[in-house]
């Protein structure tokens, strides 16, 4: 019983620490010097199935980085 309580307290402590992490600005989450599009383009070019590239939605893309 004591072991379970101790584990629960450790879990609560780590969960609260995780929730208190500050959200970084979008500029820190986007790598503009090496964006990765070249690699994705290589995957598209070598794909055996049809690939459709959809138009970018900047707002949704930015929100996805924070979720």
PDB file of N, CA and C in Angstrom:
ATOM      1  N   UNK A   1       0.824  -1.193   0.000  1.00  0.00           N
ATOM      2  CA  UNK A   1       0.000   0.000   0.000  1.00  0.00           C
ATOM      3  C   UNK A   1       0.866   1.253   0.000  1.00  0.00           C
ATOM      4  N   UNK A   2       1.919   1.275   0.816  1.00  0.00           N
ATOM      5  CA  UNK A   2       2.792   2.457   0.875  1.00  0.00           C
ATOM      6  C   UNK A   2       3.506   2.669  -0.461  1.00  0.00           C
ATOM      7  N   UNK A   3       3.875   1.569  -1.101  1.00  0.00           N
ATOM      8  CA  UNK A   3       4.570   1.666  -2.386  1.00  0.00           C
ATOM      9  C   UNK A   3       3.660   2.327  -3.435  1.00  0.00           C
ATOM     10  N   UNK A   4       2.395   1.931  -3.446  1.00  0.00           N
ATOM     11  CA  UNK A   4       1.442   2.500  -4.401  1.00  0.00           C
ATOM     12  C   UNK A   4       1.236   3.993  -4.147  1.00  0.00           C
ATOM     13  N   UNK A   5       1.171   4.375  -2.886  1.00  0.00           N
ATOM     14  CA  UNK A   5       0.994   5.788  -2.540  1.00  0.00           C
ATOM     15  C   UNK A   5       2.214   6.590  -2.967  1.00  0.00           C
ATOM     16  N   UNK A   6       3.386   6.043  -2.728  1.00  0.00           N
ATOM     17  CA  UNK A   6       4.616   6.723  -3.125  1.00  0.00           C
ATOM     18  C   UNK A   6       4.679   6.883  -4.645  1.00  0.00           C
ATOM     19  N   UNK A   7       4.342   5.835  -5.371  1.00  0.00           N
ATOM     20  CA  UNK A   7       4.332   5.921  -6.839  1.00  0.00           C
ATOM     21  C   UNK A   7       3.314   6.945  -7.326  1.00  0.00           C
ATOM     22  N   UNK A   8       2.168   6.993  -6.677  1.00  0.00           N
ATOM     23  CA  UNK A   8       1.141   7.962  -7.050  1.00  0.00           C
ATOM     24  C   UNK A   8       1.629   9.394  -6.813  1.00  0.00           C
ATOM     25  N   UNK A   9       2.295   9.629  -5.701  1.00  0.00           N
ATOM     26  CA  UNK A   9       2.834  10.960  -5.397  1.00  0.00           C
ATOM     27  C   UNK A   9       3.896  11.344  -6.421  1.00  0.00           C
ATOM     28  N   UNK A  10       4.751  10.399  -6.780  1.00  0.00           N
ATOM     29  CA  UNK A  10       5.776  10.675  -7.803  1.00  0.00           C
ATOM     30  C   UNK A  10       5.106  11.004  -9.130  1.00  0.00           C
ATOM     31  N   UNK A  11       4.071  10.252  -9.478  1.00  0.00           N
ATOM     32  CA  UNK A  11       3.348  10.513 -10.721  1.00  0.00           C
ATOM     33  C   UNK A  11       2.733  11.909 -10.721  1.00  0.00           C
ATOM     34  N   UNK A  12       2.079  12.281  -9.634  1.00  0.00           N
ATOM     35  CA  UNK A  12       1.460  13.609  -9.559  1.00  0.00           C
ATOM     36  C   UNK A  12       2.502  14.713  -9.668  1.00  0.00           C
ATOM     37  N   UNK A  13       3.642  14.518  -9.027  1.00  0.00           N
ATOM     38  CA  UNK A  13       4.708  15.508  -9.071  1.00  0.00           C
ATOM     39  C   UNK A  13       5.243  15.675 -10.493  1.00  0.00           C
ATOM     40  N   UNK A  14       5.483  14.560 -11.180  1.00  0.00           N
ATOM     41  CA  UNK A  14       6.010  14.658 -12.543  1.00  0.00           C
ATOM     42  C   UNK A  14       4.959  15.198 -13.502  1.00  0.00           C
ATOM     43  N   UNK A  15       3.700  14.848 -13.308  1.00  0.00           N
ATOM     44  CA  UNK A  15       2.631  15.352 -14.171  1.00  0.00           C
ATOM     45  C   UNK A  15       2.467  16.855 -14.009  1.00  0.00           C
ATOM     46  N   UNK A  16       2.538  17.343 -12.771  1.00  0.00           N
ATOM     47  CA  UNK A  16       2.387  18.781 -12.562  1.00  0.00           C
ATOM     48  C   UNK A  16       3.585  19.533 -13.126  1.00  0.00           C
ATOM     49  N   UNK A  17       4.766  18.940 -13.055  1.00  0.00           N
ATOM     50  CA  UNK A  17       5.948  19.579 -13.638  1.00  0.00           C
ATOM     51  C   UNK A  17       5.797  19.683 -15.145  1.00  0.00           C
ATOM     52  N   UNK A  18       5.277  18.624 -15.769  1.00  0.00           N
ATOM     53  CA  UNK A  18       5.079  18.630 -17.213  1.00  0.00           C
ATOM     54  C   UNK A  18       4.077  19.700 -17.619  1.00  0.00           C
ATOM     55  N   UNK A  19       3.013  19.850 -16.868  1.00  0.00           N
ATOM     56  CA  UNK A  19       1.971  20.827 -17.191  1.00  0.00           C
ATOM     57  C   UNK A  19       2.459  22.263 -17.024  1.00  0.00           C
ATOM     58  N   UNK A  20       3.491  22.458 -16.237  1.00  0.00           N
ATOM     59  CA  UNK A  20       3.986  23.808 -15.999  1.00  0.00           C
ATOM     60  C   UNK A  20       5.050  24.235 -17.001  1.00  0.00           C
ATOM     61  N   UNK A  21       5.352  23.375 -17.983  1.00  0.00           N
ATOM     62  CA  UNK A  21       6.335  23.747 -18.995  1.00  0.00           C
ATOM     63  C   UNK A  21       5.803  24.934 -19.792  1.00  0.00           C
ATOM     64  N   UNK A  22       6.675  25.850 -20.098  1.00  0.00           N
ATOM     65  CA  UNK A  22       6.253  27.022 -20.854  1.00  0.00           C
ATOM     66  C   UNK A  22       6.204  26.681 -22.338  1.00  0.00           C
ATOM     67  N   UNK A  23       5.218  27.236 -23.006  1.00  0.00           N
ATOM     68  CA  UNK A  23       5.097  27.043 -24.442  1.00  0.00           C
ATOM     69  C   UNK A  23       6.109  27.948 -25.128  1.00  0.00           C
ATOM     70  N   UNK A  24       6.902  27.340 -25.991  1.00  0.00           N
ATOM     71  CA  UNK A  24       7.900  28.125 -26.715  1.00  0.00           C
ATOM     72  C   UNK A  24       7.239  28.843 -27.892  1.00  0.00           C
ATOM     73  N   UNK A  25       7.780  29.985 -28.270  1.00  0.00           N
ATOM     74  CA  UNK A  25       7.221  30.711 -29.420  1.00  0.00           C
ATOM     75  C   UNK A  25       7.411  29.901 -30.704  1.00  0.00           C
ATOM     76  N   UNK A  26       6.538  30.135 -31.664  1.00  0.00           N
ATOM     77  CA  UNK A  26       6.546  29.398 -32.917  1.00  0.00           C
ATOM     78  C   UNK A  26       7.892  29.516 -33.632  1.00  0.00           C
ATOM     79  N   UNK A  27       8.563  30.641 -33.479  1.00  0.00           N
ATOM     80  CA  UNK A  27       9.859  30.848 -34.140  1.00  0.00           C
ATOM     81  C   UNK A  27      10.902  29.834 -33.657  1.00  0.00           C
ATOM     82  N   UNK A  28      10.775  29.377 -32.422  1.00  0.00           N
ATOM     83  CA  UNK A  28      11.713  28.383 -31.892  1.00  0.00           C
ATOM     84  C   UNK A  28      11.349  26.959 -32.312  1.00  0.00           C
ATOM     85  N   UNK A  29      10.141  26.753 -32.761  1.00  0.00           N
ATOM     86  CA  UNK A  29       9.689  25.418 -33.126  1.00  0.00           C
ATOM     87  C   UNK A  29       9.894  25.101 -34.605  1.00  0.00           C
ATOM     88  N   UNK A  30      10.130  26.124 -35.411  1.00  0.00           N
ATOM     89  CA  UNK A  30      10.305  25.939 -36.851  1.00  0.00           C
ATOM     90  C   UNK A  30      11.786  26.059 -37.199  1.00  0.00           C
ATOM     91  N   UNK A  31      12.293  25.055 -37.901  1.00  0.00           N
ATOM     92  CA  UNK A  31      13.689  25.059 -38.326  1.00  0.00           C
ATOM     93  C   UNK A  31      13.765  25.623 -39.740  1.00  0.00           C
ATOM     94  N   UNK A  32      14.049  26.889 -39.857  1.00  0.00           N
ATOM     95  CA  UNK A  32      14.088  27.527 -41.178  1.00  0.00           C
ATOM     96  C   UNK A  32      15.392  27.234 -41.924  1.00  0.00           C
ATOM     97  N   UNK A  33      16.476  26.921 -41.209  1.00  0.00           N
ATOM     98  CA  UNK A  33      17.753  26.652 -41.873  1.00  0.00           C
ATOM     99  C   UNK A  33      17.781  25.250 -42.500  1.00  0.00           C
ATOM    100  N   UNK A  34      17.008  24.305 -41.977  1.00  0.00           N
ATOM    101  CA  UNK A  34      16.931  22.955 -42.529  1.00  0.00           C
ATOM    102  C   UNK A  34      15.493  22.465 -42.386  1.00  0.00           C
ATOM    103  N   UNK A  35      14.575  22.952 -43.235  1.00  0.00           N
ATOM    104  CA  UNK A  35      13.157  22.715 -43.045  1.00  0.00           C
ATOM    105  C   UNK A  35      12.681  21.276 -43.265  1.00  0.00           C
ATOM    106  N   UNK A  36      13.444  20.458 -43.938  1.00  0.00           N
ATOM    107  CA  UNK A  36      13.031  19.073 -44.127  1.00  0.00           C
ATOM    108  C   UNK A  36      12.222  18.826 -45.390  1.00  0.00           C
ATOM    109  N   UNK A  37      11.833  19.888 -46.107  1.00  0.00           N
ATOM    110  CA  UNK A  37      11.026  19.705 -47.312  1.00  0.00           C
ATOM    111  C   UNK A  37      11.791  18.914 -48.370  1.00  0.00           C
ATOM    112  N   UNK A  38      13.093  19.085 -48.453  1.00  0.00           N
ATOM    113  CA  UNK A  38      13.900  18.345 -49.431  1.00  0.00           C
ATOM    114  C   UNK A  38      13.746  16.839 -49.205  1.00  0.00           C
ATOM    115  N   UNK A  39      13.806  16.405 -47.959  1.00  0.00           N
ATOM    116  CA  UNK A  39      13.644  14.991 -47.634  1.00  0.00           C
ATOM    117  C   UNK A  39      12.241  14.503 -47.980  1.00  0.00           C
ATOM    118  N   UNK A  40      11.238  15.293 -47.649  1.00  0.00           N
ATOM    119  CA  UNK A  40       9.855  14.919 -47.969  1.00  0.00           C
ATOM    120  C   UNK A  40       9.677  14.825 -49.482  1.00  0.00           C
ATOM    121  N   UNK A  41      10.272  15.753 -50.219  1.00  0.00           N
ATOM    122  CA  UNK A  41      10.191  15.738 -51.691  1.00  0.00           C
ATOM    123  C   UNK A  41      10.829  14.471 -52.251  1.00  0.00           C
ATOM    124  N   UNK A  42      11.934  14.031 -51.666  1.00  0.00           N
ATOM    125  CA  UNK A  42      12.572  12.783 -52.098  1.00  0.00           C
ATOM    126  C   UNK A  42      11.633  11.598 -51.869  1.00  0.00           C
ATOM    127  N   UNK A  43      10.952  11.575 -50.717  1.00  0.00           N
ATOM    128  CA  UNK A  43       9.995  10.498 -50.444  1.00  0.00           C
ATOM    129  C   UNK A  43       8.863  10.517 -51.469  1.00  0.00           C
ATOM    130  N   UNK A  44       8.390  11.700 -51.803  1.00  0.00           N
ATOM    131  CA  UNK A  44       7.300  11.835 -52.771  1.00  0.00           C
ATOM    132  C   UNK A  44       7.756  11.338 -54.134  1.00  0.00           C
ATOM    133  N   UNK A  45       8.947  11.755 -54.537  1.00  0.00           N
ATOM    134  CA  UNK A  45       9.459  11.367 -55.849  1.00  0.00           C
ATOM    135  C   UNK A  45       9.701   9.865 -55.967  1.00  0.00           C
ATOM    136  N   UNK A  46      10.012   9.205 -54.872  1.00  0.00           N
ATOM    137  CA  UNK A  46      10.283   7.763 -54.922  1.00  0.00           C
ATOM    138  C   UNK A  46       9.053   6.916 -54.555  1.00  0.00           C
ATOM    139  N   UNK A  47       7.932   7.546 -54.284  1.00  0.00           N
ATOM    140  CA  UNK A  47       6.725   6.816 -53.883  1.00  0.00           C
ATOM    141  C   UNK A  47       6.173   6.003 -55.042  1.00  0.00           C
ATOM    142  N   UNK A  48       5.696   4.813 -54.728  1.00  0.00           N
ATOM    143  CA  UNK A  48       5.096   3.962 -55.747  1.00  0.00           C
ATOM    144  C   UNK A  48       3.612   4.293 -55.937  1.00  0.00           C
ATOM    145  N   UNK A  49       2.994   4.830 -54.931  1.00  0.00           N
ATOM    146  CA  UNK A  49       1.581   5.229 -55.004  1.00  0.00           C
ATOM    147  C   UNK A  49       1.481   6.706 -55.366  1.00  0.00           C
ATOM    148  N   UNK A  50       0.306   7.085 -55.836  1.00  0.00           N
ATOM    149  CA  UNK A  50       0.057   8.489 -56.173  1.00  0.00           C
ATOM    150  C   UNK A  50       0.114   9.337 -54.900  1.00  0.00           C
ATOM    151  N   UNK A  51       0.765  10.474 -54.991  1.00  0.00           N
ATOM    152  CA  UNK A  51       0.888  11.389 -53.857  1.00  0.00           C
ATOM    153  C   UNK A  51       0.254  12.717 -54.243  1.00  0.00           C
ATOM    154  N   UNK A  52      -0.578  13.243 -53.370  1.00  0.00           N
ATOM    155  CA  UNK A  52      -1.189  14.550 -53.600  1.00  0.00           C
ATOM    156  C   UNK A  52      -0.715  15.500 -52.507  1.00  0.00           C
ATOM    157  N   UNK A  53      -0.131  16.599 -52.919  1.00  0.00           N
ATOM    158  CA  UNK A  53       0.335  17.608 -51.972  1.00  0.00           C
ATOM    159  C   UNK A  53      -0.770  18.648 -51.817  1.00  0.00           C
ATOM    160  N   UNK A  54      -1.266  18.762 -50.611  1.00  0.00           N
ATOM    161  CA  UNK A  54      -2.360  19.703 -50.337  1.00  0.00           C
ATOM    162  C   UNK A  54      -1.805  21.085 -50.038  1.00  0.00           C
ATOM    163  N   UNK A  55      -2.587  22.126 -50.264  1.00  0.00           N
ATOM    164  CA  UNK A  55      -2.115  23.476 -49.962  1.00  0.00           C
ATOM    165  C   UNK A  55      -1.864  23.642 -48.460  1.00  0.00           C
ATOM    166  N   UNK A  56      -0.885  24.445 -48.141  1.00  0.00           N
ATOM    167  CA  UNK A  56      -0.525  24.674 -46.740  1.00  0.00           C
ATOM    168  C   UNK A  56      -1.533  25.587 -46.072  1.00  0.00           C
ATOM    169  N   UNK A  57      -1.812  25.302 -44.820  1.00  0.00           N
ATOM    170  CA  UNK A  57      -2.639  26.168 -43.981  1.00  0.00           C
ATOM    171  C   UNK A  57      -1.747  26.562 -42.802  1.00  0.00           C
ATOM    172  N   UNK A  58      -1.154  27.734 -42.879  1.00  0.00           N
ATOM    173  CA  UNK A  58      -0.179  28.167 -41.883  1.00  0.00           C
ATOM    174  C   UNK A  58      -0.739  28.169 -40.475  1.00  0.00           C
ATOM    175  N   UNK A  59      -1.961  28.626 -40.300  1.00  0.00           N
ATOM    176  CA  UNK A  59      -2.559  28.687 -38.971  1.00  0.00           C
ATOM    177  C   UNK A  59      -2.689  27.292 -38.367  1.00  0.00           C
ATOM    178  N   UNK A  60      -3.211  26.344 -39.128  1.00  0.00           N
ATOM    179  CA  UNK A  60      -3.350  24.974 -38.626  1.00  0.00           C
ATOM    180  C   UNK A  60      -1.985  24.340 -38.384  1.00  0.00           C
ATOM    181  N   UNK A  61      -1.025  24.636 -39.257  1.00  0.00           N
ATOM    182  CA  UNK A  61       0.331  24.104 -39.062  1.00  0.00           C
ATOM    183  C   UNK A  61       0.960  24.605 -37.781  1.00  0.00           C
ATOM    184  N   UNK A  62       0.820  25.880 -37.500  1.00  0.00           N
ATOM    185  CA  UNK A  62       1.363  26.445 -36.275  1.00  0.00           C
ATOM    186  C   UNK A  62       0.687  25.841 -35.051  1.00  0.00           C
ATOM    187  N   UNK A  63      -0.629  25.674 -35.111  1.00  0.00           N
ATOM    188  CA  UNK A  63      -1.352  25.086 -33.973  1.00  0.00           C
ATOM    189  C   UNK A  63      -0.927  23.647 -33.744  1.00  0.00           C
ATOM    190  N   UNK A  64      -0.642  22.908 -34.810  1.00  0.00           N
ATOM    191  CA  UNK A  64      -0.242  21.510 -34.670  1.00  0.00           C
ATOM    192  C   UNK A  64       1.080  21.369 -33.934  1.00  0.00           C
ATOM    193  N   UNK A  65       1.942  22.358 -34.022  1.00  0.00           N
ATOM    194  CA  UNK A  65       3.221  22.302 -33.307  1.00  0.00           C
ATOM    195  C   UNK A  65       3.038  22.414 -31.805  1.00  0.00           C
ATOM    196  N   UNK A  66       1.959  23.017 -31.358  1.00  0.00           N
ATOM    197  CA  UNK A  66       1.733  23.210 -29.920  1.00  0.00           C
ATOM    198  C   UNK A  66       0.918  22.086 -29.300  1.00  0.00           C
ATOM    199  N   UNK A  67       0.303  21.254 -30.104  1.00  0.00           N
ATOM    200  CA  UNK A  67      -0.557  20.199 -29.563  1.00  0.00           C
ATOM    201  C   UNK A  67       0.268  18.975 -29.246  1.00  0.00           C
TER     202      UNK A  67
END
